[in-house]
N, C-alpha and C. Protein backbone atom coordinates (compact mmCIF):
# COMPACT_ATOMS: atom_id res chain seq x y z
N UNK A 1 -29.84 -0.87 -11.66
CA UNK A 1 -28.86 -1.95 -11.73
C UNK A 1 -27.65 -1.53 -12.57
N UNK A 2 -27.94 -0.90 -13.73
CA UNK A 2 -26.85 -0.43 -14.57
C UNK A 2 -26.03 0.64 -13.88
N UNK A 3 -26.71 1.48 -13.10
CA UNK A 3 -26.00 2.55 -12.36
C UNK A 3 -25.06 1.94 -11.34
N UNK A 4 -25.53 0.91 -10.63
CA UNK A 4 -24.67 0.24 -9.64
C UNK A 4 -23.47 -0.39 -10.31
N UNK A 5 -23.69 -1.06 -11.45
CA UNK A 5 -22.59 -1.69 -12.17
C UNK A 5 -21.57 -0.66 -12.62
N UNK A 6 -22.07 0.49 -13.09
CA UNK A 6 -21.17 1.55 -13.53
C UNK A 6 -20.32 2.07 -12.38
N UNK A 7 -20.91 2.23 -11.21
CA UNK A 7 -20.17 2.70 -10.03
C UNK A 7 -19.08 1.71 -9.64
N UNK A 8 -19.44 0.42 -9.65
CA UNK A 8 -18.46 -0.62 -9.29
C UNK A 8 -17.30 -0.62 -10.26
N UNK A 9 -17.59 -0.55 -11.57
CA UNK A 9 -16.52 -0.54 -12.57
C UNK A 9 -15.64 0.69 -12.43
N UNK A 10 -16.26 1.83 -12.16
CA UNK A 10 -15.50 3.06 -11.97
C UNK A 10 -14.57 2.95 -10.77
N UNK A 11 -15.04 2.31 -9.70
CA UNK A 11 -14.24 2.14 -8.50
C UNK A 11 -13.00 1.31 -8.78
N UNK A 12 -13.17 0.19 -9.50
CA UNK A 12 -12.02 -0.67 -9.77
C UNK A 12 -11.05 -0.02 -10.74
N UNK A 13 -11.57 0.74 -11.68
CA UNK A 13 -10.67 1.42 -12.61
C UNK A 13 -9.85 2.49 -11.92
N UNK A 14 -10.40 3.06 -10.86
CA UNK A 14 -9.70 4.13 -10.14
C UNK A 14 -8.66 3.59 -9.17
N UNK A 15 -8.74 2.30 -8.86
CA UNK A 15 -7.78 1.72 -7.91
C UNK A 15 -6.39 1.69 -8.52
N UNK A 16 -5.35 2.04 -7.75
CA UNK A 16 -3.99 2.02 -8.29
C UNK A 16 -3.55 0.60 -8.56
N UNK A 17 -2.91 0.38 -9.71
CA UNK A 17 -2.39 -0.94 -10.05
C UNK A 17 -0.98 -1.08 -9.51
N UNK A 18 -0.71 -2.19 -8.87
CA UNK A 18 0.61 -2.43 -8.31
C UNK A 18 1.54 -2.95 -9.41
N UNK A 19 2.71 -2.32 -9.52
CA UNK A 19 3.66 -2.75 -10.55
C UNK A 19 4.09 -4.19 -10.29
N UNK A 20 3.98 -5.04 -11.31
CA UNK A 20 4.31 -6.44 -11.13
C UNK A 20 5.32 -6.92 -12.16
N UNK A 21 5.97 -6.01 -12.89
CA UNK A 21 7.06 -6.41 -13.77
C UNK A 21 8.29 -5.59 -13.40
N UNK A 22 9.46 -6.13 -13.69
CA UNK A 22 10.69 -5.54 -13.17
C UNK A 22 10.97 -4.16 -13.75
N UNK A 23 10.60 -3.92 -15.00
CA UNK A 23 10.85 -2.61 -15.58
C UNK A 23 10.14 -1.52 -14.77
N UNK A 24 8.86 -1.74 -14.48
CA UNK A 24 8.09 -0.76 -13.71
C UNK A 24 8.59 -0.66 -12.28
N UNK A 25 8.92 -1.80 -11.70
CA UNK A 25 9.42 -1.82 -10.32
C UNK A 25 10.73 -1.05 -10.21
N UNK A 26 11.62 -1.26 -11.15
CA UNK A 26 12.93 -0.61 -11.13
C UNK A 26 12.80 0.90 -11.25
N UNK A 27 11.99 1.37 -12.19
CA UNK A 27 11.83 2.81 -12.38
C UNK A 27 11.17 3.46 -11.16
N UNK A 28 10.24 2.73 -10.53
CA UNK A 28 9.51 3.28 -9.37
C UNK A 28 10.30 3.19 -8.08
N UNK A 29 11.45 2.54 -8.08
CA UNK A 29 12.23 2.37 -6.85
C UNK A 29 12.64 3.72 -6.27
N UNK A 30 12.35 3.97 -5.00
CA UNK A 30 12.68 5.26 -4.37
C UNK A 30 14.18 5.53 -4.34
N UNK A 31 14.56 6.80 -4.49
CA UNK A 31 15.96 7.19 -4.43
C UNK A 31 16.59 6.82 -3.09
N UNK A 32 15.79 6.79 -2.03
CA UNK A 32 16.33 6.48 -0.71
C UNK A 32 16.88 5.06 -0.62
N UNK A 33 16.39 4.17 -1.48
CA UNK A 33 16.86 2.78 -1.46
C UNK A 33 18.15 2.64 -2.25
N UNK A 34 18.26 3.38 -3.34
CA UNK A 34 19.51 3.38 -4.14
C UNK A 34 19.93 4.82 -4.37
N UNK A 35 20.56 5.45 -3.39
CA UNK A 35 20.90 6.87 -3.49
C UNK A 35 21.85 7.21 -4.64
N UNK A 36 22.58 6.22 -5.16
CA UNK A 36 23.48 6.50 -6.27
C UNK A 36 22.74 6.77 -7.57
N UNK A 37 21.53 6.21 -7.70
CA UNK A 37 20.80 6.30 -8.96
C UNK A 37 19.60 7.25 -8.85
N UNK A 38 19.53 8.23 -9.73
CA UNK A 38 18.37 9.10 -9.78
C UNK A 38 17.27 8.44 -10.61
N UNK A 39 16.09 9.03 -10.56
CA UNK A 39 14.99 8.50 -11.38
C UNK A 39 15.33 8.60 -12.86
N UNK A 40 16.00 9.68 -13.25
CA UNK A 40 16.42 9.84 -14.65
C UNK A 40 17.42 8.75 -15.02
N UNK A 41 18.36 8.43 -14.12
CA UNK A 41 19.30 7.34 -14.35
C UNK A 41 18.56 6.04 -14.67
N UNK A 42 17.56 5.75 -13.85
CA UNK A 42 16.83 4.49 -14.01
C UNK A 42 16.04 4.46 -15.32
N UNK A 43 15.40 5.58 -15.63
CA UNK A 43 14.65 5.65 -16.89
C UNK A 43 15.59 5.53 -18.09
N UNK A 44 16.76 6.17 -18.00
CA UNK A 44 17.72 6.10 -19.10
C UNK A 44 18.22 4.67 -19.30
N UNK A 45 18.51 3.98 -18.22
CA UNK A 45 18.98 2.59 -18.32
C UNK A 45 17.97 1.73 -19.07
N UNK A 46 16.71 1.87 -18.72
CA UNK A 46 15.66 1.08 -19.37
C UNK A 46 15.55 1.47 -20.84
N UNK A 47 15.58 2.75 -21.14
CA UNK A 47 15.47 3.21 -22.52
C UNK A 47 16.64 2.71 -23.36
N UNK A 48 17.84 2.75 -22.80
CA UNK A 48 19.01 2.27 -23.54
C UNK A 48 18.89 0.79 -23.87
N UNK A 49 18.49 -0.02 -22.89
CA UNK A 49 18.34 -1.44 -23.15
C UNK A 49 17.24 -1.72 -24.16
N UNK A 50 16.15 -0.98 -24.06
CA UNK A 50 15.06 -1.14 -25.04
C UNK A 50 15.53 -0.83 -26.46
N UNK A 51 16.55 0.04 -26.56
CA UNK A 51 17.08 0.43 -27.86
C UNK A 51 18.31 -0.39 -28.24
N UNK A 52 18.57 -1.48 -27.47
CA UNK A 52 19.73 -2.36 -27.72
C UNK A 52 21.04 -1.60 -27.63
N UNK A 53 21.09 -0.64 -26.70
CA UNK A 53 22.31 0.11 -26.47
C UNK A 53 22.89 -0.26 -25.11
N UNK A 54 24.15 0.06 -24.90
CA UNK A 54 24.78 -0.16 -23.60
C UNK A 54 24.13 0.77 -22.58
N UNK A 55 23.60 0.19 -21.51
CA UNK A 55 22.83 0.97 -20.53
C UNK A 55 23.75 1.53 -19.45
N UNK A 56 24.60 2.45 -19.84
CA UNK A 56 25.58 3.05 -18.93
C UNK A 56 25.22 4.51 -18.70
N UNK A 57 25.23 4.92 -17.42
CA UNK A 57 24.87 6.29 -17.07
C UNK A 57 25.84 6.82 -16.02
N UNK A 58 25.84 8.13 -15.85
CA UNK A 58 26.58 8.77 -14.77
C UNK A 58 25.68 8.83 -13.54
N UNK A 59 26.14 8.24 -12.43
CA UNK A 59 25.29 8.23 -11.24
C UNK A 59 25.34 9.58 -10.53
N UNK A 60 24.66 9.65 -9.40
CA UNK A 60 24.50 10.93 -8.68
C UNK A 60 25.83 11.55 -8.28
N UNK A 61 26.86 10.72 -8.07
CA UNK A 61 28.16 11.23 -7.64
C UNK A 61 29.18 11.19 -8.77
N UNK A 62 28.66 11.23 -10.01
CA UNK A 62 29.47 11.34 -11.21
C UNK A 62 30.31 10.09 -11.47
N UNK A 63 29.93 8.98 -10.84
CA UNK A 63 30.54 7.70 -11.17
C UNK A 63 29.74 7.03 -12.27
N UNK A 64 30.18 5.85 -12.67
CA UNK A 64 29.52 5.12 -13.74
C UNK A 64 28.69 3.99 -13.19
N UNK A 65 27.47 3.89 -13.68
CA UNK A 65 26.59 2.76 -13.34
C UNK A 65 26.10 2.16 -14.65
N UNK A 66 25.86 0.84 -14.62
CA UNK A 66 25.41 0.17 -15.84
C UNK A 66 24.40 -0.92 -15.50
N UNK A 67 23.29 -0.89 -16.19
CA UNK A 67 22.33 -1.99 -16.07
C UNK A 67 22.77 -3.10 -17.01
N UNK A 68 23.10 -4.25 -16.44
CA UNK A 68 23.62 -5.37 -17.22
C UNK A 68 22.51 -6.25 -17.79
N UNK A 69 21.47 -6.47 -16.97
CA UNK A 69 20.40 -7.39 -17.37
C UNK A 69 19.06 -6.84 -16.90
N UNK A 70 18.05 -6.96 -17.74
CA UNK A 70 16.69 -6.62 -17.35
C UNK A 70 15.73 -7.59 -18.04
N UNK A 71 14.98 -8.35 -17.25
CA UNK A 71 13.96 -9.24 -17.78
C UNK A 71 12.63 -8.87 -17.12
N UNK A 72 11.61 -9.66 -17.36
CA UNK A 72 10.30 -9.38 -16.76
C UNK A 72 10.33 -9.42 -15.24
N UNK A 73 11.24 -10.24 -14.68
CA UNK A 73 11.24 -10.40 -13.22
C UNK A 73 12.61 -10.25 -12.57
N UNK A 74 13.62 -9.81 -13.34
CA UNK A 74 14.99 -9.77 -12.80
C UNK A 74 15.75 -8.56 -13.35
N UNK A 75 16.62 -7.99 -12.50
CA UNK A 75 17.49 -6.90 -12.93
C UNK A 75 18.85 -7.03 -12.25
N UNK A 76 19.89 -6.70 -12.99
CA UNK A 76 21.25 -6.65 -12.46
C UNK A 76 21.86 -5.33 -12.86
N UNK A 77 22.32 -4.56 -11.87
CA UNK A 77 22.90 -3.25 -12.11
C UNK A 77 24.27 -3.17 -11.44
N UNK A 78 25.27 -2.75 -12.19
CA UNK A 78 26.57 -2.43 -11.62
C UNK A 78 26.48 -0.97 -11.17
N UNK A 79 26.33 -0.76 -9.87
CA UNK A 79 26.06 0.58 -9.37
C UNK A 79 27.33 1.43 -9.22
N UNK A 80 28.48 0.77 -9.08
CA UNK A 80 29.75 1.46 -8.95
C UNK A 80 30.86 0.46 -9.29
N UNK A 81 32.10 0.88 -9.15
CA UNK A 81 33.21 -0.03 -9.45
C UNK A 81 33.22 -1.23 -8.51
N UNK A 82 32.70 -1.06 -7.30
CA UNK A 82 32.77 -2.14 -6.31
C UNK A 82 31.40 -2.66 -5.90
N UNK A 83 30.33 -2.07 -6.43
CA UNK A 83 28.99 -2.43 -5.97
C UNK A 83 28.09 -2.95 -7.07
N UNK A 84 27.25 -3.93 -6.73
CA UNK A 84 26.23 -4.41 -7.65
C UNK A 84 24.89 -4.47 -6.92
N UNK A 85 23.83 -4.40 -7.71
CA UNK A 85 22.47 -4.50 -7.19
C UNK A 85 21.71 -5.51 -8.04
N UNK A 86 21.13 -6.51 -7.38
CA UNK A 86 20.28 -7.48 -8.05
C UNK A 86 18.89 -7.41 -7.46
N UNK A 87 17.88 -7.57 -8.32
CA UNK A 87 16.50 -7.61 -7.84
C UNK A 87 15.75 -8.69 -8.60
N UNK A 88 14.85 -9.35 -7.90
CA UNK A 88 14.02 -10.35 -8.56
C UNK A 88 12.64 -10.35 -7.90
N UNK A 89 11.61 -10.51 -8.72
CA UNK A 89 10.24 -10.60 -8.22
C UNK A 89 9.90 -12.06 -7.95
N UNK A 90 9.36 -12.31 -6.74
CA UNK A 90 8.97 -13.66 -6.36
C UNK A 90 7.50 -13.67 -5.95
N UNK A 91 6.75 -14.67 -6.41
CA UNK A 91 5.33 -14.74 -6.06
C UNK A 91 5.11 -15.20 -4.63
N UNK A 92 4.23 -14.52 -3.92
CA UNK A 92 3.81 -14.95 -2.59
C UNK A 92 2.49 -15.72 -2.70
N UNK A 93 1.63 -15.25 -3.59
CA UNK A 93 0.39 -15.97 -3.91
C UNK A 93 0.04 -15.63 -5.36
N UNK A 94 -1.17 -15.95 -5.77
CA UNK A 94 -1.55 -15.76 -7.17
C UNK A 94 -1.55 -14.30 -7.62
N UNK A 95 -1.71 -13.37 -6.68
CA UNK A 95 -1.84 -11.96 -7.07
C UNK A 95 -0.76 -11.04 -6.50
N UNK A 96 0.09 -11.55 -5.64
CA UNK A 96 1.07 -10.70 -4.96
C UNK A 96 2.49 -11.20 -5.17
N UNK A 97 3.38 -10.26 -5.45
CA UNK A 97 4.80 -10.57 -5.57
C UNK A 97 5.60 -9.67 -4.63
N UNK A 98 6.74 -10.16 -4.20
CA UNK A 98 7.65 -9.34 -3.39
C UNK A 98 8.95 -9.15 -4.16
N UNK A 99 9.64 -8.07 -3.82
CA UNK A 99 10.95 -7.79 -4.41
C UNK A 99 12.03 -8.29 -3.47
N UNK A 100 12.87 -9.18 -3.97
CA UNK A 100 14.08 -9.57 -3.23
C UNK A 100 15.23 -8.76 -3.80
N UNK A 101 15.90 -8.00 -2.95
CA UNK A 101 17.00 -7.14 -3.37
C UNK A 101 18.30 -7.60 -2.73
N UNK A 102 19.33 -7.76 -3.55
CA UNK A 102 20.65 -8.15 -3.06
C UNK A 102 21.64 -7.06 -3.43
N UNK A 103 22.20 -6.40 -2.43
CA UNK A 103 23.26 -5.41 -2.64
C UNK A 103 24.59 -6.04 -2.23
N UNK A 104 25.56 -5.98 -3.12
CA UNK A 104 26.88 -6.59 -2.86
C UNK A 104 27.96 -5.55 -3.04
N UNK A 105 28.88 -5.51 -2.09
CA UNK A 105 30.06 -4.65 -2.18
C UNK A 105 31.29 -5.54 -2.12
N UNK A 106 32.22 -5.33 -3.04
CA UNK A 106 33.44 -6.14 -3.09
C UNK A 106 34.65 -5.25 -2.85
N UNK A 107 35.32 -5.47 -1.73
CA UNK A 107 36.59 -4.81 -1.44
C UNK A 107 37.65 -5.91 -1.47
N UNK A 108 38.31 -6.18 -0.33
CA UNK A 108 39.20 -7.33 -0.31
C UNK A 108 38.40 -8.62 -0.41
N UNK A 109 37.15 -8.58 0.07
CA UNK A 109 36.23 -9.70 -0.06
C UNK A 109 34.84 -9.15 -0.35
N UNK A 110 34.02 -9.95 -0.99
CA UNK A 110 32.65 -9.53 -1.30
C UNK A 110 31.72 -9.86 -0.13
N UNK A 111 30.77 -8.97 0.12
CA UNK A 111 29.79 -9.21 1.16
C UNK A 111 28.45 -8.65 0.69
N UNK A 112 27.37 -9.35 1.01
CA UNK A 112 26.05 -8.98 0.50
C UNK A 112 25.07 -8.67 1.61
N UNK A 113 24.12 -7.82 1.26
CA UNK A 113 22.98 -7.49 2.12
C UNK A 113 21.71 -7.82 1.35
N UNK A 114 20.74 -8.45 2.02
CA UNK A 114 19.50 -8.86 1.36
C UNK A 114 18.32 -8.20 2.06
N UNK A 115 17.41 -7.63 1.25
CA UNK A 115 16.19 -7.03 1.79
C UNK A 115 15.00 -7.44 0.92
N UNK A 116 13.82 -7.34 1.52
CA UNK A 116 12.58 -7.65 0.81
C UNK A 116 11.64 -6.45 0.91
N UNK A 117 10.94 -6.18 -0.20
CA UNK A 117 10.00 -5.06 -0.25
C UNK A 117 8.71 -5.50 -0.95
N UNK A 118 7.63 -4.79 -0.66
CA UNK A 118 6.44 -4.94 -1.48
C UNK A 118 6.75 -4.39 -2.87
N UNK A 119 6.06 -4.87 -3.89
CA UNK A 119 6.40 -4.48 -5.26
C UNK A 119 6.07 -3.01 -5.56
N UNK A 120 5.29 -2.36 -4.68
CA UNK A 120 5.04 -0.93 -4.85
C UNK A 120 5.98 -0.07 -3.99
N UNK A 121 6.93 -0.72 -3.31
CA UNK A 121 7.95 -0.06 -2.49
C UNK A 121 7.38 0.66 -1.26
N UNK A 122 6.15 0.39 -0.89
CA UNK A 122 5.56 1.09 0.24
C UNK A 122 6.00 0.52 1.58
N UNK A 123 6.55 -0.67 1.57
CA UNK A 123 6.90 -1.30 2.84
C UNK A 123 8.10 -2.22 2.68
N UNK A 124 9.08 -2.07 3.59
CA UNK A 124 10.13 -3.07 3.68
C UNK A 124 9.61 -4.21 4.54
N UNK A 125 9.83 -5.42 4.10
CA UNK A 125 9.29 -6.60 4.76
C UNK A 125 10.33 -7.25 5.65
N UNK A 126 9.86 -7.98 6.64
CA UNK A 126 10.75 -8.69 7.56
C UNK A 126 11.40 -9.85 6.82
N UNK A 127 12.73 -9.77 6.63
CA UNK A 127 13.41 -10.81 5.85
C UNK A 127 13.30 -12.19 6.49
N UNK A 128 13.09 -12.23 7.80
CA UNK A 128 12.97 -13.52 8.47
C UNK A 128 11.74 -14.30 8.01
N UNK A 129 10.77 -13.59 7.45
CA UNK A 129 9.57 -14.25 6.93
C UNK A 129 9.85 -14.98 5.62
N UNK A 130 10.94 -14.61 4.95
CA UNK A 130 11.20 -15.15 3.62
C UNK A 130 12.53 -15.88 3.49
N UNK A 131 13.40 -15.72 4.47
CA UNK A 131 14.76 -16.25 4.32
C UNK A 131 15.37 -16.58 5.67
N UNK A 132 15.94 -17.77 5.77
CA UNK A 132 16.78 -18.10 6.91
C UNK A 132 18.23 -18.05 6.43
N UNK A 133 18.93 -17.03 6.91
CA UNK A 133 20.30 -16.78 6.46
C UNK A 133 21.20 -17.94 6.89
N UNK A 134 21.96 -18.54 5.96
CA UNK A 134 22.83 -19.66 6.36
C UNK A 134 23.94 -19.19 7.30
N UNK A 135 24.23 -20.01 8.30
CA UNK A 135 25.33 -19.65 9.20
C UNK A 135 26.63 -20.20 8.62
N UNK A 136 27.75 -19.79 9.22
CA UNK A 136 29.06 -20.18 8.70
C UNK A 136 29.23 -21.70 8.67
N UNK A 137 28.60 -22.38 9.62
CA UNK A 137 28.75 -23.83 9.69
C UNK A 137 28.27 -24.54 8.44
N UNK A 138 27.37 -23.93 7.69
CA UNK A 138 26.85 -24.56 6.47
C UNK A 138 27.91 -24.69 5.39
N UNK A 139 29.02 -23.95 5.52
CA UNK A 139 30.07 -23.97 4.50
C UNK A 139 31.25 -24.85 4.88
N UNK A 140 31.25 -25.37 6.11
CA UNK A 140 32.37 -26.20 6.57
C UNK A 140 32.06 -27.67 6.37
N UNK A 141 33.10 -28.44 6.06
CA UNK A 141 32.96 -29.89 5.96
C UNK A 141 32.69 -30.47 7.34
N UNK A 142 31.81 -31.46 7.43
CA UNK A 142 31.54 -32.07 8.74
C UNK A 142 32.75 -32.84 9.25
N UNK A 143 32.98 -32.74 10.56
CA UNK A 143 34.06 -33.49 11.20
C UNK A 143 33.56 -34.04 12.51
N UNK A 144 33.96 -35.28 12.82
CA UNK A 144 33.54 -35.89 14.08
C UNK A 144 34.17 -35.17 15.27
N UNK A 145 35.39 -34.72 15.08
CA UNK A 145 36.09 -33.99 16.15
C UNK A 145 37.07 -33.03 15.52
N UNK A 146 37.40 -31.98 16.28
CA UNK A 146 38.32 -30.95 15.79
C UNK A 146 39.61 -30.98 16.59
N UNK A 147 40.74 -30.97 15.89
CA UNK A 147 42.03 -30.87 16.56
C UNK A 147 42.25 -29.44 17.01
N UNK A 148 43.29 -29.24 17.81
CA UNK A 148 43.61 -27.87 18.25
C UNK A 148 43.93 -26.98 17.05
N UNK A 149 44.59 -27.56 16.04
CA UNK A 149 44.91 -26.79 14.84
C UNK A 149 43.64 -26.43 14.07
N UNK A 150 42.68 -27.37 14.03
CA UNK A 150 41.41 -27.09 13.37
C UNK A 150 40.70 -25.91 14.05
N UNK A 151 40.65 -25.96 15.36
CA UNK A 151 39.98 -24.90 16.12
C UNK A 151 40.69 -23.57 15.88
N UNK A 152 42.03 -23.61 15.87
CA UNK A 152 42.80 -22.39 15.70
C UNK A 152 42.52 -21.73 14.35
N UNK A 153 42.53 -22.53 13.28
CA UNK A 153 42.34 -21.93 11.95
C UNK A 153 40.91 -21.47 11.77
N UNK A 154 39.94 -22.16 12.39
CA UNK A 154 38.55 -21.70 12.29
C UNK A 154 38.36 -20.38 13.05
N UNK A 155 39.12 -20.22 14.12
CA UNK A 155 39.04 -18.96 14.86
C UNK A 155 39.59 -17.80 14.05
N UNK A 156 40.46 -18.09 13.11
CA UNK A 156 40.99 -17.05 12.23
C UNK A 156 39.86 -16.45 11.38
N UNK A 157 38.88 -17.30 11.07
CA UNK A 157 37.74 -16.85 10.26
C UNK A 157 36.70 -16.22 11.19
N UNK A 158 37.08 -15.12 11.83
CA UNK A 158 36.22 -14.51 12.85
C UNK A 158 35.18 -13.56 12.25
N UNK A 159 35.31 -13.26 10.97
CA UNK A 159 34.34 -12.39 10.30
C UNK A 159 33.66 -13.21 9.19
N UNK A 160 32.37 -13.42 9.34
CA UNK A 160 31.66 -14.29 8.40
C UNK A 160 31.07 -13.46 7.26
N UNK A 161 31.72 -13.55 6.11
CA UNK A 161 31.31 -12.80 4.92
C UNK A 161 30.73 -13.75 3.89
N UNK A 162 29.67 -13.33 3.23
CA UNK A 162 29.04 -14.15 2.21
C UNK A 162 28.63 -13.28 1.03
N UNK A 163 28.80 -13.83 -0.15
CA UNK A 163 28.30 -13.19 -1.37
C UNK A 163 27.04 -13.92 -1.81
N UNK A 164 25.94 -13.18 -1.91
CA UNK A 164 24.68 -13.77 -2.34
C UNK A 164 24.40 -13.34 -3.77
N UNK A 165 23.76 -14.21 -4.53
CA UNK A 165 23.40 -13.86 -5.90
C UNK A 165 22.09 -14.53 -6.29
N UNK A 166 21.27 -13.78 -7.01
CA UNK A 166 20.01 -14.29 -7.53
C UNK A 166 20.23 -14.84 -8.94
N UNK A 167 19.45 -15.83 -9.30
CA UNK A 167 19.52 -16.38 -10.64
C UNK A 167 18.57 -15.63 -11.57
N UNK A 168 19.05 -15.34 -12.77
CA UNK A 168 18.19 -14.68 -13.76
C UNK A 168 17.06 -15.61 -14.21
N UNK A 169 17.36 -16.90 -14.28
CA UNK A 169 16.41 -17.84 -14.89
C UNK A 169 15.70 -18.75 -13.90
N UNK A 170 16.30 -18.96 -12.73
CA UNK A 170 15.73 -19.90 -11.77
C UNK A 170 15.32 -19.17 -10.49
N UNK A 171 14.34 -19.71 -9.74
CA UNK A 171 13.92 -19.08 -8.47
C UNK A 171 14.85 -19.46 -7.32
N UNK A 172 16.12 -19.11 -7.46
CA UNK A 172 17.11 -19.53 -6.48
C UNK A 172 17.94 -18.36 -5.97
N UNK A 173 18.52 -18.57 -4.79
CA UNK A 173 19.43 -17.62 -4.15
C UNK A 173 20.66 -18.40 -3.72
N UNK A 174 21.82 -18.00 -4.22
CA UNK A 174 23.06 -18.74 -3.97
C UNK A 174 23.98 -17.95 -3.05
N UNK A 175 24.56 -18.66 -2.07
CA UNK A 175 25.49 -18.04 -1.12
C UNK A 175 26.88 -18.66 -1.31
N UNK A 176 27.88 -17.79 -1.43
CA UNK A 176 29.28 -18.21 -1.47
C UNK A 176 29.98 -17.63 -0.25
N UNK A 177 30.73 -18.46 0.45
CA UNK A 177 31.44 -18.04 1.66
C UNK A 177 32.72 -17.33 1.24
N UNK A 178 32.80 -16.03 1.50
CA UNK A 178 33.93 -15.22 1.03
C UNK A 178 34.92 -14.84 2.12
N UNK A 179 34.70 -15.33 3.32
CA UNK A 179 35.62 -15.03 4.42
C UNK A 179 37.08 -15.34 4.07
N UNK A 180 37.38 -16.47 3.39
CA UNK A 180 38.80 -16.72 3.06
C UNK A 180 39.46 -15.61 2.27
N UNK A 181 38.69 -14.84 1.51
CA UNK A 181 39.29 -13.80 0.67
C UNK A 181 39.84 -12.62 1.46
N UNK A 182 39.40 -12.47 2.72
CA UNK A 182 39.93 -11.35 3.51
C UNK A 182 41.10 -11.78 4.39
N UNK A 183 41.39 -13.09 4.44
CA UNK A 183 42.52 -13.58 5.23
C UNK A 183 43.81 -13.42 4.45
N UNK A 184 44.93 -13.46 5.17
CA UNK A 184 46.20 -13.47 4.45
C UNK A 184 46.37 -14.82 3.75
N UNK A 185 47.28 -14.88 2.81
CA UNK A 185 47.39 -16.06 1.95
C UNK A 185 47.67 -17.34 2.73
N UNK A 186 48.51 -17.24 3.76
CA UNK A 186 48.85 -18.43 4.54
C UNK A 186 47.63 -18.97 5.27
N UNK A 187 46.88 -18.09 5.93
CA UNK A 187 45.69 -18.54 6.65
C UNK A 187 44.61 -19.03 5.70
N UNK A 188 44.51 -18.38 4.54
CA UNK A 188 43.53 -18.80 3.55
C UNK A 188 43.81 -20.23 3.09
N UNK A 189 45.06 -20.53 2.81
CA UNK A 189 45.42 -21.87 2.36
C UNK A 189 45.16 -22.92 3.44
N UNK A 190 45.27 -22.54 4.69
CA UNK A 190 44.99 -23.48 5.78
C UNK A 190 43.48 -23.69 5.97
N UNK A 191 42.71 -22.64 5.69
CA UNK A 191 41.26 -22.72 5.91
C UNK A 191 40.54 -23.47 4.80
N UNK A 192 40.99 -23.31 3.56
CA UNK A 192 40.26 -23.85 2.41
C UNK A 192 39.97 -25.36 2.51
N UNK A 193 40.90 -26.19 2.99
CA UNK A 193 40.60 -27.63 3.08
C UNK A 193 39.45 -27.96 4.03
N UNK A 194 39.07 -27.01 4.88
CA UNK A 194 37.97 -27.23 5.83
C UNK A 194 36.61 -26.90 5.23
N UNK A 195 36.60 -26.30 4.04
CA UNK A 195 35.37 -25.76 3.48
C UNK A 195 34.80 -26.65 2.38
N UNK A 196 33.48 -26.65 2.28
CA UNK A 196 32.82 -27.31 1.16
C UNK A 196 33.14 -26.56 -0.13
N UNK A 197 33.22 -27.27 -1.23
CA UNK A 197 33.46 -26.63 -2.52
C UNK A 197 32.16 -26.09 -3.13
N UNK A 198 31.02 -26.67 -2.73
CA UNK A 198 29.75 -26.25 -3.31
C UNK A 198 29.17 -25.08 -2.52
N UNK A 199 28.54 -24.14 -3.20
CA UNK A 199 27.86 -23.05 -2.50
C UNK A 199 26.57 -23.55 -1.86
N UNK A 200 25.98 -22.73 -1.03
CA UNK A 200 24.67 -23.03 -0.45
C UNK A 200 23.61 -22.41 -1.37
N UNK A 201 22.68 -23.23 -1.86
CA UNK A 201 21.66 -22.77 -2.79
C UNK A 201 20.28 -22.97 -2.16
N UNK A 202 19.51 -21.89 -2.07
CA UNK A 202 18.15 -21.94 -1.56
C UNK A 202 17.18 -21.73 -2.72
N UNK A 203 16.03 -22.41 -2.67
CA UNK A 203 15.03 -22.30 -3.72
C UNK A 203 13.75 -21.71 -3.18
N UNK A 204 13.13 -20.84 -3.97
CA UNK A 204 11.87 -20.20 -3.58
C UNK A 204 10.73 -21.20 -3.75
N UNK A 205 10.09 -21.53 -2.66
CA UNK A 205 8.94 -22.46 -2.69
C UNK A 205 7.89 -21.99 -1.69
N UNK A 206 6.65 -21.95 -2.13
CA UNK A 206 5.52 -21.60 -1.26
C UNK A 206 5.74 -20.28 -0.53
N UNK A 207 6.26 -19.29 -1.25
CA UNK A 207 6.36 -17.95 -0.70
C UNK A 207 7.55 -17.65 0.16
N UNK A 208 8.61 -18.51 0.10
CA UNK A 208 9.83 -18.22 0.86
C UNK A 208 10.98 -19.08 0.32
N UNK A 209 12.20 -18.70 0.69
CA UNK A 209 13.37 -19.49 0.31
C UNK A 209 13.52 -20.65 1.29
N UNK A 210 13.77 -21.84 0.70
CA UNK A 210 13.91 -23.05 1.51
C UNK A 210 15.16 -23.80 1.09
């Protein structure tokens, strides 16, 4: 009986533990996901923050990257002059968490890409299982009917750009409609009265954003 118990305990001790805190997840992130940051870059960022120093490093292409925030479940990294990376761990059940990653690039307007991964980075997950991306209509004020001028100015917004951001403290994902920022000033001023002032905010509930 004792021999069987010893074998069982040995088996569980030998099983790999899945990283479930952001520090471990960030350091273990494959270079293929963030090619600008090497493993040494990531380790240095964490070490600098642990020492209450500015977590600024030279990235793979000799640019500057800086880790702005690191908590148990959240990280914010300025990966370049125009790019940011946000990550947050979200629970799917009592024992499993997924990584929600938001990459944002800001040129004339900001635009974001969202992906989901297992916390051990072994698999990219189908984002449709966790998120229904808001369409452009969610940012427009409701109208019973549209005039020809309304239709014309909405057609100007032919490229739907959104900036997504994760909250450090809350289980939320916020979307801001950035399409007006790529329009010329005249068209932007005509479009703004058609838009809601509030962003679209989704909350993580029961293993997905709702």
